[in-house]
Amino acid sequence: MHKLDNRGIIAELDSKDMLKLISGLPDQCVEAYEIGKSCDISRPDRRFDNIVFAGMGGSAIGADFVRVYLQKELKVPVVVSRNYTLPGFVGKNTLLFCSSYSGNTEETLSSFEDGLKRGAYIVTLGSGGKLKERSIKNGFRHVDIPSGYPPRTAIGFMSISVLAILSKLGFIKDKKKEIDGLVSALIGLRDKEIGAGVSFEKNISKKMAASLHDRYCIVYGTSDSTEAISVRWRGQIAENSKGLSSSHVLPEMNHNEIVGWEFPKALLKDFKVMILKDKDDHPRTLRRVDISRTIIKDSGAEIFEFERNEESLLARLFSLVYIGDFLSYYLAILNGIDPTPVKKVDYLKAELAVMKRII
């Protein structure tokens, strides 16, 4: 029996049952849509020139997903801001989403105050905390997300609920059909291809985790579709398996990083490359993927490609998210580490708290 098929080993390492949280993504997406649709919100009597999402880490990746997924449908520009302050163009004609799962992320709280001063129309998302308090105090809409999740496991709440809200505000068409499709796709994917109950020999994510074990991984996405997914994979590998990896996007990497696939020769042959693409990517981008594959292979690195065939783009993208989530979980097990704790983040926050008290 492969180690990743041994539920005893998994249970011993996974003290907080991260597996249950990852496995529950389909149900989370259903709940997230209902949360967004039931939100008491309607379009205010003002013009919106842009949409800005303020958030960090697991609370921002959902915004990245929305930005990329809707880039051809939305008629206003969308920016994801990961900072203490907002871009200079933010003002009264900005729809500002402030997302913090805990409700206490200091950068997001600072961005909320910045948006408040500039007169932006603000919608907040999270499970409570100071963000909810300040939002309600100032008369804004707060979207309540269920508590008890590590932020990185709440991607359904932080993206699907936003799609429902954008539909209610008239920016996009309703996505109920697409969301139903993605839920069915995720259930099938989990139960037949990547879930813990699928044996190693038949399991995409388990096999990829074994290939990545003790190796450096580089994840490439495409600007048309999988850009945010490549960032998601990098983040999940870091937080769940406690490993370093990197991500980049085509066609941009063809103008810089592709040249770097020459040195250091002793290391490149042990790199693992994950290419995430979609059938509807620009034809020239897909051609670039082919050429880049040839260049990278010359370095000796091993390349894996992921492309889904579900009916809708939403289902295909979420399927890639799901494969990466399980992959990072299995990699944590192979590393012999509990996937849930993020001790270095906890340490960093504690040190920042000390600095606050001094100031």
Protein backbone atom coordinates (compact mmCIF):
# COMPACT_ATOMS: atom_id res chain seq x y z
CA MET A 1 0.00 0.00 0.00
CA HIS A 2 1.32 3.43 -0.93
CA LYS A 3 1.77 5.86 1.95
CA LEU A 4 -0.86 8.19 0.46
CA ASP A 5 -3.42 5.37 0.54
CA ASN A 6 -2.78 4.68 4.24
CA ARG A 7 -5.59 6.48 6.08
CA GLY A 8 -3.92 5.75 9.41
CA ILE A 9 -0.81 7.73 8.48
CA ILE A 10 -2.94 10.53 7.05
CA ALA A 11 -5.12 10.77 10.17
CA GLU A 12 -2.06 10.83 12.42
CA LEU A 13 -0.50 13.76 10.57
CA ASP A 14 -3.69 15.69 9.76
CA SER A 15 -4.63 16.76 13.28
CA LYS A 16 -7.16 19.44 12.20
CA ASP A 17 -8.75 17.35 9.43
CA MET A 18 -7.67 19.54 6.53
CA LEU A 19 -8.74 16.68 4.28
CA LYS A 20 -12.38 17.21 5.26
CA LEU A 21 -12.18 20.92 4.48
CA ILE A 22 -10.59 20.35 1.07
CA SER A 23 -13.02 17.55 0.23
CA GLY A 24 -15.97 19.79 1.09
CA LEU A 25 -15.34 22.38 -1.64
CA PRO A 26 -18.37 21.34 -3.77
CA ASP A 27 -20.77 21.90 -0.86
CA GLN A 28 -19.00 25.15 -0.05
CA CYS A 29 -19.61 26.44 -3.57
CA VAL A 30 -23.33 25.69 -3.26
CA GLU A 31 -23.49 27.51 0.07
CA ALA A 32 -21.43 30.42 -1.26
CA TYR A 33 -23.85 31.03 -4.12
CA GLU A 34 -26.80 31.08 -1.71
CA ILE A 35 -24.96 33.52 0.55
CA GLY A 36 -24.35 35.87 -2.36
CA LYS A 37 -27.87 35.64 -3.76
CA SER A 38 -29.47 36.21 -0.34
CA CYS A 39 -27.35 39.30 0.32
CA ASP A 40 -29.56 42.38 0.74
CA ILE A 41 -27.85 44.52 -1.86
CA SER A 42 -28.88 46.44 -4.94
CA ARG A 43 -27.03 48.78 -7.27
CA PRO A 44 -26.74 52.26 -5.76
CA ASP A 45 -27.55 55.38 -7.72
CA ARG A 46 -24.04 56.05 -8.89
CA ARG A 47 -21.78 55.19 -11.83
CA PHE A 48 -19.04 52.63 -11.28
CA ASP A 49 -15.89 53.16 -13.32
CA ASN A 50 -13.90 50.33 -11.79
CA ILE A 51 -13.99 47.43 -9.34
CA VAL A 52 -11.25 46.96 -6.76
CA PHE A 53 -10.71 44.01 -4.44
CA ALA A 54 -8.63 44.59 -1.33
CA GLY A 55 -7.36 41.49 0.42
CA MET A 56 -4.38 39.33 1.28
CA GLY A 57 -3.44 35.67 0.98
CA GLY A 58 -6.30 33.22 1.00
CA SER A 59 -8.79 36.09 1.13
CA ALA A 60 -7.38 37.61 -2.08
CA ILE A 61 -6.99 34.54 -4.28
CA GLY A 62 -10.76 34.34 -4.73
CA ALA A 63 -10.66 37.89 -6.08
CA ASP A 64 -7.88 36.94 -8.50
CA PHE A 65 -10.03 34.05 -9.67
CA VAL A 66 -13.00 36.37 -10.27
CA ARG A 67 -10.82 38.91 -12.08
CA VAL A 68 -9.43 36.38 -14.54
CA TYR A 69 -12.66 34.45 -15.02
CA LEU A 70 -14.68 37.59 -15.80
CA GLN A 71 -12.05 39.50 -17.78
CA LYS A 72 -13.96 39.11 -21.08
CA GLU A 73 -17.40 39.75 -19.58
CA LEU A 74 -16.96 42.74 -17.28
CA LYS A 75 -17.08 46.13 -18.97
CA VAL A 76 -15.13 47.94 -16.26
CA PRO A 77 -11.52 47.34 -15.18
CA VAL A 78 -10.86 45.11 -12.17
CA VAL A 79 -7.85 45.39 -9.86
CA VAL A 80 -6.80 43.23 -6.92
CA SER A 81 -4.96 45.32 -4.34
CA ARG A 82 -2.67 43.56 -1.84
CA ASN A 83 -1.43 46.47 0.23
CA TYR A 84 -2.16 48.86 3.08
CA THR A 85 -3.29 51.57 0.66
CA LEU A 86 -5.45 51.57 -2.46
CA PRO A 87 -4.50 52.65 -5.99
CA GLY A 88 -4.71 56.38 -6.62
CA PHE A 89 -7.71 56.14 -8.95
CA VAL A 90 -10.04 54.78 -6.25
CA GLY A 91 -12.87 57.20 -5.48
CA LYS A 92 -16.63 57.60 -5.32
CA ASN A 93 -17.07 55.74 -8.63
CA THR A 94 -15.25 52.67 -7.32
CA LEU A 95 -16.95 49.48 -6.17
CA LEU A 96 -14.58 48.30 -3.45
CA PHE A 97 -14.70 44.77 -2.08
CA CYS A 98 -12.73 44.42 1.16
CA SER A 99 -12.17 40.71 1.84
CA SER A 100 -10.70 39.33 5.05
CA TYR A 101 -11.76 35.90 6.19
CA SER A 102 -10.80 36.60 9.80
CA GLY A 103 -12.00 40.19 9.57
CA ASN A 104 -8.79 41.35 11.25
CA THR A 105 -6.20 41.42 8.45
CA GLU A 106 -4.36 44.68 9.06
CA GLU A 107 -3.68 45.50 5.40
CA THR A 108 -7.36 45.03 4.51
CA LEU A 109 -8.53 47.10 7.47
CA SER A 110 -6.17 49.86 6.36
CA SER A 111 -7.52 49.64 2.80
CA PHE A 112 -11.07 49.83 4.14
CA GLU A 113 -10.26 53.09 5.94
CA ASP A 114 -8.54 54.40 2.81
CA GLY A 115 -11.59 53.57 0.69
CA LEU A 116 -13.88 55.14 3.27
CA LYS A 117 -11.97 58.42 3.10
CA ARG A 118 -12.18 58.45 -0.69
CA GLY A 119 -15.92 57.83 -0.81
CA ALA A 120 -15.83 54.42 -2.48
CA TYR A 121 -18.91 52.18 -2.34
CA ILE A 122 -17.73 49.34 -0.11
CA VAL A 123 -18.84 45.74 0.26
CA THR A 124 -17.06 43.66 2.91
CA LEU A 125 -16.68 39.89 3.12
CA GLY A 126 -15.53 37.80 6.07
CA SER A 127 -16.45 35.77 9.09
CA GLY A 128 -16.59 38.72 11.49
CA GLY A 129 -13.92 40.72 13.29
CA LYS A 130 -13.13 44.41 13.03
CA LEU A 131 -13.94 44.56 9.32
CA LYS A 132 -17.54 43.56 9.90
CA GLU A 133 -17.85 46.01 12.80
CA ARG A 134 -16.50 48.93 10.79
CA SER A 135 -18.54 48.05 7.72
CA ILE A 136 -21.83 47.97 9.62
CA LYS A 137 -20.92 51.08 11.59
CA ASN A 138 -20.46 53.01 8.35
CA GLY A 139 -23.62 51.69 6.71
CA PHE A 140 -22.06 49.30 4.20
CA ARG A 141 -23.11 45.79 3.23
CA HIS A 142 -21.23 42.98 4.95
CA VAL A 143 -21.35 39.45 3.52
CA ASP A 144 -21.13 36.94 6.37
CA ILE A 145 -18.92 33.94 5.61
CA PRO A 146 -19.13 30.87 7.91
CA SER A 147 -16.36 30.74 10.49
CA GLY A 148 -14.04 27.85 11.31
CA TYR A 149 -12.05 27.65 8.07
CA PRO A 150 -8.38 28.45 7.47
CA PRO A 151 -8.62 31.29 4.93
CA ARG A 152 -7.02 29.25 2.16
CA THR A 153 -9.83 26.68 2.39
CA ALA A 154 -12.54 29.31 1.87
CA ILE A 155 -11.92 30.00 -1.82
CA GLY A 156 -15.49 29.00 -2.72
CA PHE A 157 -16.94 31.51 -0.26
CA MET A 158 -14.55 34.23 -1.40
CA SER A 159 -15.23 33.80 -5.12
CA ILE A 160 -18.63 32.23 -5.80
CA SER A 161 -20.41 34.59 -3.39
CA VAL A 162 -18.78 37.51 -5.22
CA LEU A 163 -20.06 36.21 -8.56
CA ALA A 164 -23.58 36.12 -7.14
CA ILE A 165 -23.25 39.66 -5.78
CA LEU A 166 -21.88 41.03 -9.06
CA SER A 167 -24.91 39.46 -10.75
CA LYS A 168 -27.29 41.15 -8.29
CA LEU A 169 -25.56 44.46 -8.97
CA GLY A 170 -26.05 44.01 -12.71
CA PHE A 171 -22.41 43.65 -13.77
CA ILE A 172 -22.72 40.07 -15.07
CA LYS A 173 -25.37 37.51 -15.90
CA ASP A 174 -26.47 35.04 -13.24
CA LYS A 175 -24.08 32.08 -12.98
CA LYS A 176 -26.42 29.53 -11.39
CA LYS A 177 -26.18 27.11 -14.32
CA GLU A 178 -22.39 27.31 -14.44
CA ILE A 179 -22.11 26.88 -10.66
CA ASP A 180 -24.35 23.81 -10.73
CA GLY A 181 -22.08 22.42 -13.42
CA LEU A 182 -18.90 23.10 -11.50
CA VAL A 183 -20.33 21.44 -8.37
CA SER A 184 -21.14 18.28 -10.32
CA ALA A 185 -17.70 18.38 -11.93
CA LEU A 186 -15.92 18.74 -8.58
CA ILE A 187 -17.86 15.86 -7.03
CA GLY A 188 -16.97 13.59 -9.93
CA LEU A 189 -13.35 14.72 -9.89
CA ARG A 190 -13.04 14.13 -6.14
CA ASP A 191 -14.71 10.74 -6.13
CA LYS A 192 -13.08 9.32 -9.27
CA GLU A 193 -9.73 11.06 -9.78
CA ILE A 194 -8.19 12.91 -6.83
CA GLY A 195 -9.97 12.18 -3.52
CA ALA A 196 -8.38 10.31 -0.63
CA GLY A 197 -10.46 7.23 -1.45
CA VAL A 198 -9.01 6.98 -4.97
CA SER A 199 -5.97 4.69 -4.99
CA PHE A 200 -2.52 5.99 -5.84
CA GLU A 201 -2.46 4.18 -9.18
CA LYS A 202 -5.60 6.01 -10.37
CA ASN A 203 -5.10 9.32 -8.53
CA ILE A 204 -3.85 12.37 -10.47
CA SER A 205 -3.00 14.45 -7.41
CA LYS A 206 -1.31 11.64 -5.47
CA LYS A 207 0.93 10.81 -8.41
CA MET A 208 1.85 14.46 -8.93
CA ALA A 209 2.63 14.86 -5.22
CA ALA A 210 4.96 11.88 -5.39
CA SER A 211 6.69 13.41 -8.43
CA LEU A 212 7.10 16.74 -6.61
CA HIS A 213 8.36 15.26 -3.35
CA ASP A 214 11.79 16.75 -2.54
CA ARG A 215 11.79 18.65 -5.83
CA TYR A 216 11.31 22.30 -6.75
CA CYS A 217 8.10 23.01 -8.65
CA ILE A 218 7.40 25.78 -11.16
CA VAL A 219 3.77 26.40 -12.12
CA TYR A 220 2.94 28.17 -15.38
CA GLY A 221 -0.53 29.49 -16.16
CA THR A 222 -1.98 31.48 -19.05
CA SER A 223 -3.29 35.03 -19.05
CA ASP A 224 -6.57 34.01 -20.67
CA SER A 225 -7.61 31.49 -18.02
CA THR A 226 -5.25 29.87 -15.53
CA GLU A 227 -3.16 32.79 -14.30
CA ALA A 228 -4.86 32.88 -10.89
CA ILE A 229 -4.82 29.08 -10.65
CA SER A 230 -1.03 29.02 -10.98
CA VAL A 231 -0.80 31.50 -8.09
CA ARG A 232 -3.23 29.33 -6.11
CA TRP A 233 -1.08 26.23 -6.62
CA ARG A 234 2.01 28.10 -5.45
CA GLY A 235 0.21 29.36 -2.35
CA GLN A 236 -1.22 25.95 -1.49
CA ILE A 237 2.13 24.23 -1.87
CA ALA A 238 3.58 26.81 0.52
CA GLU A 239 0.85 26.77 3.17
CA ASN A 240 -0.18 23.12 3.10
CA SER A 241 3.05 21.28 2.31
CA LYS A 242 5.40 23.99 3.65
CA GLY A 243 7.37 23.92 0.41
CA LEU A 244 8.74 26.55 -1.93
CA SER A 245 7.66 26.81 -5.54
CA SER A 246 7.21 29.60 -8.07
CA SER A 247 4.64 30.65 -10.63
CA HIS A 248 4.55 32.70 -13.81
CA VAL A 249 2.20 33.28 -16.72
CA LEU A 250 2.29 32.93 -20.50
CA PRO A 251 2.76 34.78 -22.76
CA GLU A 252 4.67 37.11 -20.38
CA MET A 253 7.23 34.49 -19.31
CA ASN A 254 8.22 34.10 -22.96
CA HIS A 255 9.67 37.60 -22.79
CA ASN A 256 11.96 37.03 -19.81
CA GLU A 257 11.91 33.84 -17.72
CA ILE A 258 12.16 31.45 -20.67
CA VAL A 259 15.73 32.66 -21.20
CA GLY A 260 16.63 31.51 -17.69
CA TRP A 261 16.11 27.84 -18.50
CA GLU A 262 19.84 27.31 -18.92
CA PHE A 263 21.44 27.75 -15.50
CA PRO A 264 22.14 26.46 -12.91
CA LYS A 265 22.45 23.25 -14.91
CA ALA A 266 22.94 21.06 -11.84
CA LEU A 267 19.56 22.12 -10.45
CA LEU A 268 17.36 22.49 -13.52
CA LYS A 269 17.28 18.76 -14.24
CA ASP A 270 15.54 18.19 -10.89
CA PHE A 271 12.88 20.86 -11.42
CA LYS A 272 9.26 19.85 -12.03
CA VAL A 273 7.16 22.06 -14.29
CA MET A 274 3.37 22.19 -14.15
CA ILE A 275 1.66 23.87 -17.11
CA LEU A 276 -1.99 24.81 -16.59
CA LYS A 277 -3.87 25.71 -19.76
CA ASP A 278 -7.36 25.80 -21.25
CA LYS A 279 -8.76 24.89 -24.63
CA ASP A 280 -10.10 28.42 -25.11
CA ASP A 281 -6.76 30.14 -24.53
CA HIS A 282 -5.58 32.35 -27.38
CA PRO A 283 -4.23 30.15 -30.22
CA ARG A 284 -0.91 31.99 -30.16
CA THR A 285 -0.60 31.38 -26.42
CA LEU A 286 -1.22 27.66 -26.90
CA ARG A 287 1.45 27.66 -29.60
CA ARG A 288 3.77 29.39 -27.14
CA VAL A 289 3.08 26.59 -24.66
CA ASP A 290 4.25 24.06 -27.25
CA ILE A 291 7.44 25.95 -28.03
CA SER A 292 8.17 26.63 -24.35
CA ARG A 293 7.76 22.94 -23.59
CA THR A 294 10.49 22.12 -26.10
CA ILE A 295 12.85 24.72 -24.65
CA ILE A 296 12.30 23.59 -21.07
CA LYS A 297 12.70 19.90 -21.95
CA ASP A 298 16.21 20.66 -23.21
CA SER A 299 17.15 21.58 -19.64
CA GLY A 300 16.24 18.11 -18.42
CA ALA A 301 13.30 19.23 -16.30
CA GLU A 302 10.20 17.06 -16.24
CA ILE A 303 6.99 18.68 -17.51
CA PHE A 304 3.37 17.91 -16.68
CA GLU A 305 0.39 19.57 -18.39
CA PHE A 306 -3.11 19.97 -17.01
CA GLU A 307 -6.13 20.83 -19.13
CA ARG A 308 -9.72 19.98 -18.23
CA ASN A 309 -12.60 19.23 -20.59
CA GLU A 310 -15.64 20.19 -18.50
CA GLU A 311 -18.34 22.12 -20.34
CA SER A 312 -17.94 25.56 -18.78
CA LEU A 313 -14.81 27.60 -18.14
CA LEU A 314 -15.86 27.99 -14.50
CA ALA A 315 -15.95 24.21 -14.01
CA ARG A 316 -12.64 23.74 -15.79
CA LEU A 317 -10.90 26.37 -13.69
CA PHE A 318 -12.29 25.14 -10.39
CA SER A 319 -11.29 21.60 -11.34
CA LEU A 320 -7.70 22.77 -11.68
CA VAL A 321 -7.97 24.50 -8.30
CA TYR A 322 -9.20 21.24 -6.79
CA ILE A 323 -6.39 19.16 -8.30
CA GLY A 324 -3.85 21.58 -6.84
CA ASP A 325 -5.50 21.64 -3.43
CA PHE A 326 -5.37 17.86 -3.12
CA LEU A 327 -1.85 17.75 -4.58
CA SER A 328 -0.56 20.16 -1.91
CA TYR A 329 -2.32 18.15 0.79
CA TYR A 330 -0.75 14.88 -0.33
CA LEU A 331 2.63 16.57 -0.58
CA ALA A 332 2.28 17.60 3.07
CA ILE A 333 1.70 13.96 4.01
CA LEU A 334 4.79 12.89 2.05
CA ASN A 335 6.74 15.63 3.84
CA GLY A 336 5.55 14.15 7.13
CA ILE A 337 3.95 17.39 8.26
CA ASP A 338 0.54 18.59 9.44
CA PRO A 339 -0.95 20.61 6.55
CA THR A 340 -3.03 23.01 8.68
CA PRO A 341 -0.68 25.05 10.95
CA VAL A 342 1.14 28.04 9.44
CA LYS A 343 3.59 28.69 12.26
CA LYS A 344 5.74 31.20 10.38
CA VAL A 345 2.69 33.35 9.63
CA ASP A 346 1.68 33.15 13.30
CA TYR A 347 5.19 34.21 14.32
CA LEU A 348 5.18 37.11 11.88
CA LYS A 349 1.83 38.36 13.17
CA ALA A 350 3.03 38.13 16.77
CA GLU A 351 6.10 40.21 15.95
CA LEU A 352 3.98 42.83 14.18
CA ALA A 353 1.69 42.97 17.20
CA VAL A 354 4.67 43.80 19.40
CA MET A 355 5.63 46.61 17.04
CA LYS A 356 2.10 48.00 17.25
CA ARG A 357 2.28 48.12 21.04
CA ILE A 358 5.61 49.95 20.92
CA ILE A 359 4.19 52.52 18.51
